[in-house]
PDB file of N, CA and C in Angstrom:
ATOM      1  N   MET A   1      91.904 103.253  96.235  1.00  0.00           N
ATOM      2  CA  MET A   1      92.194 103.076  97.640  1.00  0.00           C
ATOM      3  C   MET A   1      92.487 104.414  98.297  1.00  0.00           C
ATOM      4  N   GLY A   2      93.634 105.045  97.955  1.00  0.00           N
ATOM      5  CA  GLY A   2      93.922 106.387  98.429  1.00  0.00           C
ATOM      6  C   GLY A   2      94.114 106.521  99.926  1.00  0.00           C
ATOM      7  N   GLY A   3      94.578 105.488 100.617  1.00  0.00           N
ATOM      8  CA  GLY A   3      94.715 105.508 102.062  1.00  0.00           C
ATOM      9  C   GLY A   3      95.755 106.470 102.582  1.00  0.00           C
ATOM     10  N   ASN A   4      97.018 106.192 102.356  1.00  0.00           N
ATOM     11  CA  ASN A   4      98.075 106.998 102.948  1.00  0.00           C
ATOM     12  C   ASN A   4      99.231 107.146 101.971  1.00  0.00           C
ATOM     13  N   PRO A   5      99.122 108.077 101.026  1.00  0.00           N
ATOM     14  CA  PRO A   5     100.194 108.248 100.038  1.00  0.00           C
ATOM     15  C   PRO A   5     101.518 108.681 100.672  1.00  0.00           C
ATOM     16  N   GLU A   6     101.472 109.396 101.799  1.00  0.00           N
ATOM     17  CA  GLU A   6     102.713 109.807 102.473  1.00  0.00           C
ATOM     18  C   GLU A   6     103.469 108.601 103.006  1.00  0.00           C
ATOM     19  N   ALA A   7     102.745 107.646 103.584  1.00  0.00           N
ATOM     20  CA  ALA A   7     103.382 106.439 104.110  1.00  0.00           C
ATOM     21  C   ALA A   7     103.975 105.616 102.973  1.00  0.00           C
ATOM     22  N   LEU A   8     103.234 105.471 101.889  1.00  0.00           N
ATOM     23  CA  LEU A   8     103.756 104.741 100.725  1.00  0.00           C
ATOM     24  C   LEU A   8     105.043 105.397 100.227  1.00  0.00           C
ATOM     25  N   ALA A   9     105.040 106.711 100.124  1.00  0.00           N
ATOM     26  CA  ALA A   9     106.222 107.437  99.637  1.00  0.00           C
ATOM     27  C   ALA A   9     107.400 107.273 100.595  1.00  0.00           C
ATOM     28  N   ALA A  10     107.138 107.300 101.904  1.00  0.00           N
ATOM     29  CA  ALA A  10     108.212 107.162 102.891  1.00  0.00           C
ATOM     30  C   ALA A  10     108.862 105.785 102.804  1.00  0.00           C
ATOM     31  N   VAL A  11     108.053 104.739 102.682  1.00  0.00           N
ATOM     32  CA  VAL A  11     108.604 103.389 102.573  1.00  0.00           C
ATOM     33  C   VAL A  11     109.334 103.237 101.243  1.00  0.00           C
ATOM     34  N   ARG A  12     108.746 103.727 100.178  1.00  0.00           N
ATOM     35  CA  ARG A  12     109.380 103.640  98.855  1.00  0.00           C
ATOM     36  C   ARG A  12     110.745 104.332  98.856  1.00  0.00           C
ATOM     37  N   LYS A  13     110.833 105.490  99.526  1.00  0.00           N
ATOM     38  CA  LYS A  13     112.106 106.215  99.602  1.00  0.00           C
ATOM     39  C   LYS A  13     113.163 105.384 100.315  1.00  0.00           C
ATOM     40  N   GLU A  14     112.787 104.724 101.406  1.00  0.00           N
ATOM     41  CA  GLU A  14     113.744 103.862 102.112  1.00  0.00           C
ATOM     42  C   GLU A  14     114.131 102.654 101.265  1.00  0.00           C
ATOM     43  N   LEU A  15     113.170 102.083 100.548  1.00  0.00           N
ATOM     44  CA  LEU A  15     113.461 100.901  99.726  1.00  0.00           C
ATOM     45  C   LEU A  15     114.415 101.211  98.581  1.00  0.00           C
ATOM     46  N   GLU A  16     114.489 102.474  98.168  1.00  0.00           N
ATOM     47  CA  GLU A  16     115.437 102.857  97.115  1.00  0.00           C
ATOM     48  C   GLU A  16     116.880 102.645  97.559  1.00  0.00           C
ATOM     49  N   LYS A  17     117.107 102.511  98.848  1.00  0.00           N
ATOM     50  CA  LYS A  17     118.451 102.311  99.391  1.00  0.00           C
ATOM     51  C   LYS A  17     118.876 100.848  99.344  1.00  0.00           C
ATOM     52  N   TYR A  18     117.988  99.966  98.893  1.00  0.00           N
ATOM     53  CA  TYR A  18     118.264  98.538  98.835  1.00  0.00           C
ATOM     54  C   TYR A  18     118.308  98.076  97.388  1.00  0.00           C
ATOM     55  N   ALA A  19     119.341  97.316  97.050  1.00  0.00           N
ATOM     56  CA  ALA A  19     119.436  96.708  95.725  1.00  0.00           C
ATOM     57  C   ALA A  19     119.910  95.274  95.910  1.00  0.00           C
ATOM     58  N   HIS A  20     119.303  94.346  95.205  1.00  0.00           N
ATOM     59  CA  HIS A  20     119.644  92.930  95.313  1.00  0.00           C
ATOM     60  C   HIS A  20     119.544  92.324  93.921  1.00  0.00           C
ATOM     61  N   PRO A  21     120.507  91.493  93.520  1.00  0.00           N
ATOM     62  CA  PRO A  21     120.474  90.938  92.166  1.00  0.00           C
ATOM     63  C   PRO A  21     119.358  89.920  91.926  1.00  0.00           C
ATOM     64  N   LEU A  22     118.838  89.311  93.001  1.00  0.00           N
ATOM     65  CA  LEU A  22     117.820  88.270  92.844  1.00  0.00           C
ATOM     66  C   LEU A  22     116.426  88.717  93.264  1.00  0.00           C
ATOM     67  N   LEU A  23     116.363  89.765  94.076  1.00  0.00           N
ATOM     68  CA  LEU A  23     115.096  90.149  94.690  1.00  0.00           C
ATOM     69  C   LEU A  23     114.666  91.555  94.293  1.00  0.00           C
ATOM     70  N   ARG A  24     113.365  91.744  94.321  1.00  0.00           N
ATOM     71  CA  ARG A  24     112.749  93.046  94.068  1.00  0.00           C
ATOM     72  C   ARG A  24     111.954  93.413  95.314  1.00  0.00           C
ATOM     73  N   PHE A  25     112.125  94.645  95.770  1.00  0.00           N
ATOM     74  CA  PHE A  25     111.400  95.150  96.932  1.00  0.00           C
ATOM     75  C   PHE A  25     110.474  96.262  96.473  1.00  0.00           C
ATOM     76  N   ASP A  26     109.274  96.277  97.018  1.00  0.00           N
ATOM     77  CA  ASP A  26     108.309  97.314  96.677  1.00  0.00           C
ATOM     78  C   ASP A  26     107.401  97.523  97.879  1.00  0.00           C
ATOM     79  N   VAL A  27     106.506  98.463  97.764  1.00  0.00           N
ATOM     80  CA  VAL A  27     105.514  98.733  98.800  1.00  0.00           C
ATOM     81  C   VAL A  27     104.187  98.930  98.090  1.00  0.00           C
ATOM     82  N   ARG A  28     103.126  98.538  98.769  1.00  0.00           N
ATOM     83  CA  ARG A  28     101.792  98.716  98.185  1.00  0.00           C
ATOM     84  C   ARG A  28     100.792  98.947  99.300  1.00  0.00           C
ATOM     85  N   GLU A  29      99.644  99.446  98.901  1.00  0.00           N
ATOM     86  CA  GLU A  29      98.517  99.527  99.812  1.00  0.00           C
ATOM     87  C   GLU A  29      97.668  98.298  99.540  1.00  0.00           C
ATOM     88  N   SER A  30      97.382  97.538 100.577  1.00  0.00           N
ATOM     89  CA  SER A  30      96.594  96.326 100.424  1.00  0.00           C
ATOM     90  C   SER A  30      95.132  96.687 100.220  1.00  0.00           C
ATOM     91  N   PRO A  31      94.309  95.721  99.792  1.00  0.00           N
ATOM     92  CA  PRO A  31      92.879  95.996  99.643  1.00  0.00           C
ATOM     93  C   PRO A  31      92.230  96.510 100.928  1.00  0.00           C
ATOM     94  N   GLY A  32      92.771  96.148 102.085  1.00  0.00           N
ATOM     95  CA  GLY A  32      92.225  96.620 103.356  1.00  0.00           C
ATOM     96  C   GLY A  32      92.756  97.982 103.773  1.00  0.00           C
ATOM     97  N   GLY A  33      93.590  98.601 102.940  1.00  0.00           N
ATOM     98  CA  GLY A  33      94.120  99.920 103.244  1.00  0.00           C
ATOM     99  C   GLY A  33      95.396  99.930 104.053  1.00  0.00           C
ATOM    100  N   ARG A  34      95.955  98.752 104.344  1.00  0.00           N
ATOM    101  CA  ARG A  34      97.210  98.683 105.088  1.00  0.00           C
ATOM    102  C   ARG A  34      98.389  98.861 104.133  1.00  0.00           C
ATOM    103  N   ILE A  35      99.530  99.246 104.692  1.00  0.00           N
ATOM    104  CA  ILE A  35     100.763  99.360 103.921  1.00  0.00           C
ATOM    105  C   ILE A  35     101.484  98.018 104.013  1.00  0.00           C
ATOM    106  N   GLU A  36     101.914  97.490 102.866  1.00  0.00           N
ATOM    107  CA  GLU A  36     102.597  96.199 102.846  1.00  0.00           C
ATOM    108  C   GLU A  36     103.930  96.309 102.116  1.00  0.00           C
ATOM    109  N   LEU A  37     104.946  95.704 102.707  1.00  0.00           N
ATOM    110  CA  LEU A  37     106.227  95.515 102.060  1.00  0.00           C
ATOM    111  C   LEU A  37     106.073  94.319 101.136  1.00  0.00           C
ATOM    112  N   VAL A  38     106.582  94.428  99.907  1.00  0.00           N
ATOM    113  CA  VAL A  38     106.473  93.360  98.921  1.00  0.00           C
ATOM    114  C   VAL A  38     107.884  92.860  98.612  1.00  0.00           C
ATOM    115  N   ILE A  39     108.101  91.555  98.768  1.00  0.00           N
ATOM    116  CA  ILE A  39     109.375  90.934  98.425  1.00  0.00           C
ATOM    117  C   ILE A  39     109.086  89.893  97.359  1.00  0.00           C
ATOM    118  N   ASP A  40     109.820  89.974  96.265  1.00  0.00           N
ATOM    119  CA  ASP A  40     109.576  89.068  95.146  1.00  0.00           C
ATOM    120  C   ASP A  40     110.892  88.732  94.464  1.00  0.00           C
ATOM    121  N   LEU A  41     110.968  87.558  93.888  1.00  0.00           N
ATOM    122  CA  LEU A  41     112.122  87.187  93.070  1.00  0.00           C
ATOM    123  C   LEU A  41     112.030  87.923  91.740  1.00  0.00           C
ATOM    124  N   ARG A  42     113.144  88.352  91.209  1.00  0.00           N
ATOM    125  CA  ARG A  42     113.151  89.056  89.927  1.00  0.00           C
ATOM    126  C   ARG A  42     112.730  88.134  88.782  1.00  0.00           C
ATOM    127  N   ASN A  43     113.263  86.932  88.748  1.00  0.00           N
ATOM    128  CA  ASN A  43     112.955  85.961  87.688  1.00  0.00           C
ATOM    129  C   ASN A  43     112.420  84.698  88.339  1.00  0.00           C
ATOM    130  N   LYS A  44     111.196  84.786  88.840  1.00  0.00           N
ATOM    131  CA  LYS A  44     110.700  83.665  89.628  1.00  0.00           C
ATOM    132  C   LYS A  44     109.939  82.654  88.779  1.00  0.00           C
ATOM    133  N   PRO A  45     110.064  81.393  89.169  1.00  0.00           N
ATOM    134  CA  PRO A  45     109.252  80.351  88.538  1.00  0.00           C
ATOM    135  C   PRO A  45     107.775  80.561  88.864  1.00  0.00           C
ATOM    136  N   ALA A  46     106.922  79.991  88.067  1.00  0.00           N
ATOM    137  CA  ALA A  46     105.474  80.188  88.229  1.00  0.00           C
ATOM    138  C   ALA A  46     104.949  79.689  89.576  1.00  0.00           C
ATOM    139  N   ASN A  47     105.600  78.708  90.174  1.00  0.00           N
ATOM    140  CA  ASN A  47     105.066  78.130  91.407  1.00  0.00           C
ATOM    141  C   ASN A  47     105.574  78.811  92.682  1.00  0.00           C
ATOM    142  N   ILE A  48     106.282  79.924  92.547  1.00  0.00           N
ATOM    143  CA  ILE A  48     106.798  80.639  93.718  1.00  0.00           C
ATOM    144  C   ILE A  48     105.925  81.860  93.981  1.00  0.00           C
ATOM    145  N   HIS A  49     105.548  82.038  95.236  1.00  0.00           N
ATOM    146  CA  HIS A  49     104.663  83.135  95.607  1.00  0.00           C
ATOM    147  C   HIS A  49     105.439  84.432  95.853  1.00  0.00           C
ATOM    148  N   THR A  50     104.706  85.508  95.941  1.00  0.00           N
ATOM    149  CA  THR A  50     105.234  86.808  96.354  1.00  0.00           C
ATOM    150  C   THR A  50     104.999  86.929  97.852  1.00  0.00           C
ATOM    151  N   TYR A  51     105.941  87.545  98.554  1.00  0.00           N
ATOM    152  CA  TYR A  51     105.850  87.665 100.004  1.00  0.00           C
ATOM    153  C   TYR A  51     105.387  89.075 100.370  1.00  0.00           C
ATOM    154  N   TYR A  52     104.359  89.165 101.195  1.00  0.00           N
ATOM    155  CA  TYR A  52     103.812  90.439 101.657  1.00  0.00           C
ATOM    156  C   TYR A  52     103.947  90.516 103.166  1.00  0.00           C
ATOM    157  N   LEU A  53     104.359  91.678 103.647  1.00  0.00           N
ATOM    158  CA  LEU A  53     104.588  91.862 105.061  1.00  0.00           C
ATOM    159  C   LEU A  53     104.014  93.216 105.465  1.00  0.00           C
ATOM    160  N   GLU A  54     103.098  93.216 106.411  1.00  0.00           N
ATOM    161  CA  GLU A  54     102.454  94.468 106.823  1.00  0.00           C
ATOM    162  C   GLU A  54     103.437  95.387 107.538  1.00  0.00           C
ATOM    163  N   VAL A  55     103.408  96.657 107.176  1.00  0.00           N
ATOM    164  CA  VAL A  55     104.175  97.688 107.861  1.00  0.00           C
ATOM    165  C   VAL A  55     103.182  98.412 108.769  1.00  0.00           C
ATOM    166  N   HIS A  56     103.337  98.222 110.048  1.00  0.00           N
ATOM    167  CA  HIS A  56     102.390  98.758 111.015  1.00  0.00           C
ATOM    168  C   HIS A  56     102.545 100.280 111.139  1.00  0.00           C
ATOM    169  N   PRO A  57     101.432 100.996 111.312  1.00  0.00           N
ATOM    170  CA  PRO A  57     101.508 102.461 111.468  1.00  0.00           C
ATOM    171  C   PRO A  57     102.457 102.914 112.571  1.00  0.00           C
ATOM    172  N   ARG A  58     102.539 102.182 113.688  1.00  0.00           N
ATOM    173  CA  ARG A  58     103.443 102.586 114.771  1.00  0.00           C
ATOM    174  C   ARG A  58     104.902 102.507 114.318  1.00  0.00           C
ATOM    175  N   ASP A  59     105.201 101.542 113.424  1.00  0.00           N
ATOM    176  CA  ASP A  59     106.567 101.444 112.900  1.00  0.00           C
ATOM    177  C   ASP A  59     106.870 102.599 111.958  1.00  0.00           C
ATOM    178  N   LEU A  60     105.892 102.966 111.134  1.00  0.00           N
ATOM    179  CA  LEU A  60     106.067 104.095 110.221  1.00  0.00           C
ATOM    180  C   LEU A  60     106.335 105.395 110.982  1.00  0.00           C
ATOM    181  N   ALA A  61     105.718 105.551 112.147  1.00  0.00           N
ATOM    182  CA  ALA A  61     105.852 106.772 112.931  1.00  0.00           C
ATOM    183  C   ALA A  61     107.084 106.776 113.828  1.00  0.00           C
ATOM    184  N   HIS A  62     107.740 105.638 113.963  1.00  0.00           N
ATOM    185  CA  HIS A  62     108.879 105.525 114.875  1.00  0.00           C
ATOM    186  C   HIS A  62     110.086 106.290 114.336  1.00  0.00           C
ATOM    187  N   PRO A  63     110.835 106.990 115.199  1.00  0.00           N
ATOM    188  CA  PRO A  63     112.007 107.740 114.730  1.00  0.00           C
ATOM    189  C   PRO A  63     113.100 106.846 114.132  1.00  0.00           C
ATOM    190  N   GLN A  64     113.110 105.590 114.494  1.00  0.00           N
ATOM    191  CA  GLN A  64     114.099 104.648 113.961  1.00  0.00           C
ATOM    192  C   GLN A  64     113.506 103.775 112.858  1.00  0.00           C
ATOM    193  N   PHE A  65     112.553 104.314 112.111  1.00  0.00           N
ATOM    194  CA  PHE A  65     111.849 103.536 111.090  1.00  0.00           C
ATOM    195  C   PHE A  65     112.797 102.851 110.108  1.00  0.00           C
ATOM    196  N   ARG A  66     113.848 103.541 109.685  1.00  0.00           N
ATOM    197  CA  ARG A  66     114.751 102.925 108.693  1.00  0.00           C
ATOM    198  C   ARG A  66     115.348 101.622 109.208  1.00  0.00           C
ATOM    199  N   TRP A  67     115.644 101.549 110.511  1.00  0.00           N
ATOM    200  CA  TRP A  67     116.215 100.327 111.081  1.00  0.00           C
ATOM    201  C   TRP A  67     115.138  99.271 111.309  1.00  0.00           C
ATOM    202  N   ILE A  68     113.957  99.703 111.634  1.00  0.00           N
ATOM    203  CA  ILE A  68     112.831  98.769 111.763  1.00  0.00           C
ATOM    204  C   ILE A  68     112.542  98.139 110.409  1.00  0.00           C
ATOM    205  N   LEU A  69     112.555  98.956 109.360  1.00  0.00           N
ATOM    206  CA  LEU A  69     112.315  98.427 108.014  1.00  0.00           C
ATOM    207  C   LEU A  69     113.407  97.435 107.619  1.00  0.00           C
ATOM    208  N   GLN A  70     114.661  97.759 107.942  1.00  0.00           N
ATOM    209  CA  GLN A  70     115.739  96.826 107.609  1.00  0.00           C
ATOM    210  C   GLN A  70     115.537  95.488 108.319  1.00  0.00           C
ATOM    211  N   ARG A  71     115.185  95.530 109.588  1.00  0.00           N
ATOM    212  CA  ARG A  71     114.923  94.286 110.330  1.00  0.00           C
ATOM    213  C   ARG A  71     113.768  93.522 109.683  1.00  0.00           C
ATOM    214  N   MET A  72     112.716  94.246 109.281  1.00  0.00           N
ATOM    215  CA  MET A  72     111.570  93.600 108.625  1.00  0.00           C
ATOM    216  C   MET A  72     112.007  92.921 107.327  1.00  0.00           C
ATOM    217  N   ILE A  73     112.834  93.601 106.552  1.00  0.00           N
ATOM    218  CA  ILE A  73     113.306  93.024 105.292  1.00  0.00           C
ATOM    219  C   ILE A  73     114.100  91.752 105.563  1.00  0.00           C
ATOM    220  N   PHE A  74     115.066  91.813 106.473  1.00  0.00           N
ATOM    221  CA  PHE A  74     115.917  90.655 106.737  1.00  0.00           C
ATOM    222  C   PHE A  74     115.114  89.486 107.312  1.00  0.00           C
ATOM    223  N   GLU A  75     114.219  89.766 108.243  1.00  0.00           N
ATOM    224  CA  GLU A  75     113.394  88.696 108.805  1.00  0.00           C
ATOM    225  C   GLU A  75     112.410  88.166 107.761  1.00  0.00           C
ATOM    226  N   GLY A  76     111.875  89.065 106.934  1.00  0.00           N
ATOM    227  CA  GLY A  76     110.976  88.643 105.866  1.00  0.00           C
ATOM    228  C   GLY A  76     111.676  87.751 104.852  1.00  0.00           C
ATOM    229  N   LEU A  77     112.938  88.072 104.537  1.00  0.00           N
ATOM    230  CA  LEU A  77     113.695  87.230 103.605  1.00  0.00           C
ATOM    231  C   LEU A  77     113.859  85.820 104.161  1.00  0.00           C
ATOM    232  N   HIS A  78     114.159  85.736 105.434  1.00  0.00           N
ATOM    233  CA  HIS A  78     114.288  84.423 106.062  1.00  0.00           C
ATOM    234  C   HIS A  78     112.990  83.632 105.909  1.00  0.00           C
ATOM    235  N   ASP A  79     111.877  84.249 106.268  1.00  0.00           N
ATOM    236  CA  ASP A  79     110.587  83.563 106.182  1.00  0.00           C
ATOM    237  C   ASP A  79     110.248  83.191 104.744  1.00  0.00           C
ATOM    238  N   TYR A  80     110.478  84.117 103.822  1.00  0.00           N
ATOM    239  CA  TYR A  80     110.171  83.889 102.401  1.00  0.00           C
ATOM    240  C   TYR A  80     110.941  82.683 101.866  1.00  0.00           C
ATOM    241  N   PHE A  81     112.244  82.632 102.141  1.00  0.00           N
ATOM    242  CA  PHE A  81     113.038  81.523 101.620  1.00  0.00           C
ATOM    243  C   PHE A  81     112.699  80.200 102.303  1.00  0.00           C
ATOM    244  N   VAL A  82     112.394  80.235 103.583  1.00  0.00           N
ATOM    245  CA  VAL A  82     111.983  79.003 104.258  1.00  0.00           C
ATOM    246  C   VAL A  82     110.672  78.492 103.667  1.00  0.00           C
ATOM    247  N   GLU A  83     109.746  79.394 103.359  1.00  0.00           N
ATOM    248  CA  GLU A  83     108.468  78.989 102.773  1.00  0.00           C
ATOM    249  C   GLU A  83     108.627  78.369 101.383  1.00  0.00           C
ATOM    250  N   MET A  84     109.766  78.585 100.732  1.00  0.00           N
ATOM    251  CA  MET A  84     109.981  78.033  99.397  1.00  0.00           C
ATOM    252  C   MET A  84     110.356  76.558  99.403  1.00  0.00           C
ATOM    253  N   PHE A  85     110.684  75.997 100.553  1.00  0.00           N
ATOM    254  CA  PHE A  85     111.014  74.571 100.584  1.00  0.00           C
ATOM    255  C   PHE A  85     109.842  73.767 100.026  1.00  0.00           C
ATOM    256  N   GLU A  86     110.136  72.866  99.124  1.00  0.00           N
ATOM    257  CA  GLU A  86     109.095  71.979  98.605  1.00  0.00           C
ATOM    258  C   GLU A  86     108.769  70.904  99.633  1.00  0.00           C
ATOM    259  N   TYR A  87     109.765  70.481 100.360  1.00  0.00           N
ATOM    260  CA  TYR A  87     109.583  69.591 101.498  1.00  0.00           C
ATOM    261  C   TYR A  87     110.837  69.613 102.341  1.00  0.00           C
ATOM    262  N   THR A  88     110.704  69.158 103.576  1.00  0.00           N
ATOM    263  CA  THR A  88     111.810  69.052 104.526  1.00  0.00           C
ATOM    264  C   THR A  88     111.792  67.632 105.082  1.00  0.00           C
ATOM    265  N   PRO A  89     112.772  67.254 105.899  1.00  0.00           N
ATOM    266  CA  PRO A  89     112.746  65.905 106.473  1.00  0.00           C
ATOM    267  C   PRO A  89     111.474  65.613 107.276  1.00  0.00           C
ATOM    268  N   GLN A  90     110.808  66.671 107.764  1.00  0.00           N
ATOM    269  CA  GLN A  90     109.595  66.471 108.550  1.00  0.00           C
ATOM    270  C   GLN A  90     108.344  66.362 107.690  1.00  0.00           C
ATOM    271  N   SER A  91     108.452  66.636 106.395  1.00  0.00           N
ATOM    272  CA  SER A  91     107.279  66.628 105.519  1.00  0.00           C
ATOM    273  C   SER A  91     106.757  65.212 105.312  1.00  0.00           C
ATOM    274  N   LEU A  92     105.469  65.046 105.480  1.00  0.00           N
ATOM    275  CA  LEU A  92     104.865  63.728 105.289  1.00  0.00           C
ATOM    276  C   LEU A  92     104.945  63.285 103.836  1.00  0.00           C
ATOM    277  N   ASP A  93     104.998  64.248 102.895  1.00  0.00           N
ATOM    278  CA  ASP A  93     105.060  63.899 101.475  1.00  0.00           C
ATOM    279  C   ASP A  93     106.488  63.877 100.926  1.00  0.00           C
ATOM    280  N   ASN A  94     107.483  63.877 101.808  1.00  0.00           N
ATOM    281  CA  ASN A  94     108.883  63.834 101.381  1.00  0.00           C
ATOM    282  C   ASN A  94     109.151  62.504 100.686  1.00  0.00           C
ATOM    283  N   PRO A  95     109.635  62.528  99.429  1.00  0.00           N
ATOM    284  CA  PRO A  95     109.888  61.271  98.711  1.00  0.00           C
ATOM    285  C   PRO A  95     110.887  60.357  99.417  1.00  0.00           C
ATOM    286  N   ALA A  96     111.790  60.942 100.211  1.00  0.00           N
ATOM    287  CA  ALA A  96     112.743  60.123 100.958  1.00  0.00           C
ATOM    288  C   ALA A  96     112.128  59.609 102.253  1.00  0.00           C
ATOM    289  N   GLY A  97     110.911  60.027 102.542  1.00  0.00           N
ATOM    290  CA  GLY A  97     110.223  59.607 103.757  1.00  0.00           C
ATOM    291  C   GLY A  97     110.448  60.591 104.878  1.00  0.00           C
ATOM    292  N   PRO A  98     109.420  60.833 105.698  1.00  0.00           N
ATOM    293  CA  PRO A  98     109.585  61.737 106.841  1.00  0.00           C
ATOM    294  C   PRO A  98     110.440  61.072 107.908  1.00  0.00           C
ATOM    295  N   TYR A  99     110.950  61.907 108.815  1.00  0.00           N
ATOM    296  CA  TYR A  99     111.717  61.371 109.948  1.00  0.00           C
ATOM    297  C   TYR A  99     110.865  60.369 110.698  1.00  0.00           C
ATOM    298  N   GLU A 100     111.498  59.325 111.116  1.00  0.00           N
ATOM    299  CA  GLU A 100     110.822  58.354 111.977  1.00  0.00           C
ATOM    300  C   GLU A 100     110.944  58.839 113.427  1.00  0.00           C
ATOM    301  N   LEU A 101     109.955  58.600 114.202  1.00  0.00           N
ATOM    302  CA  LEU A 101     110.032  58.924 115.620  1.00  0.00           C
ATOM    303  C   LEU A 101     111.022  57.963 116.276  1.00  0.00           C
ATOM    304  N   GLU A 102     111.915  58.523 117.069  1.00  0.00           N
ATOM    305  CA  GLU A 102     112.882  57.674 117.778  1.00  0.00           C
ATOM    306  C   GLU A 102     112.218  57.078 118.989  1.00  0.00           C
ATOM    307  N   ARG A 103     112.451  55.824 119.172  1.00  0.00           N
ATOM    308  CA  ARG A 103     111.841  55.112 120.317  1.00  0.00           C
ATOM    309  C   ARG A 103     112.853  54.831 121.372  1.00  0.00           C
TER     310      ARG A 103
END
Protein backbone atom coordinates (compact mmCIF):
# COMPACT_ATOMS: atom_id res chain seq x y z
CA MET A 1 0.00 0.00 0.00
CA GLY A 2 2.53 2.62 1.15
CA GLY A 3 0.03 5.50 1.24
CA ASN A 4 0.90 7.75 4.15
CA PRO A 5 3.36 6.35 6.70
CA GLU A 6 3.57 9.75 8.45
CA ALA A 7 -0.18 9.76 9.12
CA LEU A 8 -0.07 6.17 10.39
CA ALA A 9 2.80 7.08 12.72
CA ALA A 10 1.00 10.21 13.99
CA VAL A 11 -2.17 8.29 14.84
CA ARG A 12 -0.20 5.41 16.37
CA LYS A 13 1.70 7.89 18.58
CA GLU A 14 -1.57 9.34 19.88
CA LEU A 15 -3.05 5.87 20.44
CA GLU A 16 -0.10 5.01 22.70
CA LYS A 17 -1.68 7.43 25.20
CA TYR A 18 -4.74 5.17 25.54
CA ALA A 19 -4.89 1.95 27.54
CA HIS A 20 -8.02 -0.10 28.24
CA PRO A 21 -8.29 -3.51 29.93
CA LEU A 22 -10.94 -4.80 27.50
CA LEU A 23 -10.14 -3.00 24.26
CA ARG A 24 -7.28 -2.76 21.80
CA PHE A 25 -6.77 0.33 19.65
CA ASP A 26 -4.73 0.38 16.47
CA VAL A 27 -4.46 2.17 13.15
CA ARG A 28 -4.16 0.75 9.67
CA GLU A 29 -4.20 1.73 6.06
CA SER A 30 -7.29 0.32 4.40
CA PRO A 31 -7.19 -1.39 1.00
CA GLY A 32 -8.39 1.91 -0.50
CA GLY A 33 -5.45 3.79 1.01
CA ARG A 34 -7.43 5.54 3.75
CA ILE A 35 -6.31 5.70 7.38
CA GLU A 36 -8.59 3.76 9.73
CA LEU A 37 -8.85 3.65 13.49
CA VAL A 38 -9.26 0.03 14.64
CA ILE A 39 -11.18 -0.82 17.82
CA ASP A 40 -11.27 -4.44 18.92
CA LEU A 41 -11.96 -6.47 22.04
CA ARG A 42 -8.83 -8.04 23.51
CA ASN A 43 -10.49 -11.43 24.13
CA LYS A 44 -13.42 -11.37 21.77
CA PRO A 45 -15.81 -14.18 20.96
CA ALA A 46 -15.78 -15.42 17.37
CA ASN A 47 -19.10 -13.76 16.52
CA ILE A 48 -18.00 -10.21 17.43
CA HIS A 49 -16.68 -7.96 14.69
CA THR A 50 -13.80 -5.49 14.69
CA TYR A 51 -14.78 -1.83 14.41
CA TYR A 52 -13.11 0.38 11.78
CA LEU A 53 -13.48 4.13 11.65
CA GLU A 54 -12.00 6.33 8.92
CA VAL A 55 -9.67 9.11 10.03
CA HIS A 56 -10.21 11.87 7.50
CA PRO A 57 -7.16 13.76 6.15
CA ARG A 58 -8.63 17.10 7.31
CA ASP A 59 -8.77 15.72 10.87
CA LEU A 60 -5.16 14.54 10.67
CA ALA A 61 -4.08 18.04 9.59
CA HIS A 62 -6.12 19.85 12.25
CA PRO A 63 -4.13 21.49 15.08
CA GLN A 64 -6.50 19.91 17.61
CA PHE A 65 -6.10 16.41 16.16
CA ARG A 66 -5.52 14.77 19.55
CA TRP A 67 -8.95 15.96 20.74
CA ILE A 68 -10.63 15.02 17.48
CA LEU A 69 -9.15 11.53 17.82
CA GLN A 70 -10.39 11.27 21.40
CA ARG A 71 -13.91 12.22 20.30
CA MET A 72 -13.68 9.65 17.48
CA ILE A 73 -12.62 6.95 19.94
CA PHE A 74 -15.41 7.72 22.42
CA GLU A 75 -18.10 7.97 19.74
CA GLY A 76 -16.73 4.86 18.03
CA LEU A 77 -16.93 2.93 21.31
CA HIS A 78 -20.57 3.87 21.66
CA ASP A 79 -21.35 2.69 18.13
CA TYR A 80 -19.27 -0.49 18.50
CA PHE A 81 -21.01 -1.56 21.71
CA VAL A 82 -24.47 -0.72 20.39
CA GLU A 83 -23.75 -2.84 17.30
CA MET A 84 -23.00 -5.80 19.59
CA PHE A 85 -26.62 -6.14 20.71
CA GLU A 86 -27.96 -9.48 19.55
CA TYR A 87 -31.43 -8.00 19.66
CA THR A 88 -33.36 -5.13 21.24
CA PRO A 89 -37.06 -4.69 22.07
CA GLN A 90 -37.52 -3.41 18.50
CA SER A 91 -35.93 -6.48 16.89
CA LEU A 92 -38.36 -8.59 14.90
CA ASP A 93 -36.40 -11.73 15.89
CA ASN A 94 -36.44 -10.92 19.63
CA PRO A 95 -37.44 -14.14 21.45
CA ALA A 96 -39.53 -12.07 23.87
CA GLY A 97 -41.30 -10.52 20.88
CA PRO A 98 -40.88 -7.06 19.37
CA TYR A 99 -42.69 -4.06 20.81
CA GLU A 100 -46.30 -3.94 19.83
CA LEU A 101 -47.52 -0.75 18.23
CA GLU A 102 -49.66 1.20 20.67
CA ARG A 103 -53.11 1.94 19.39
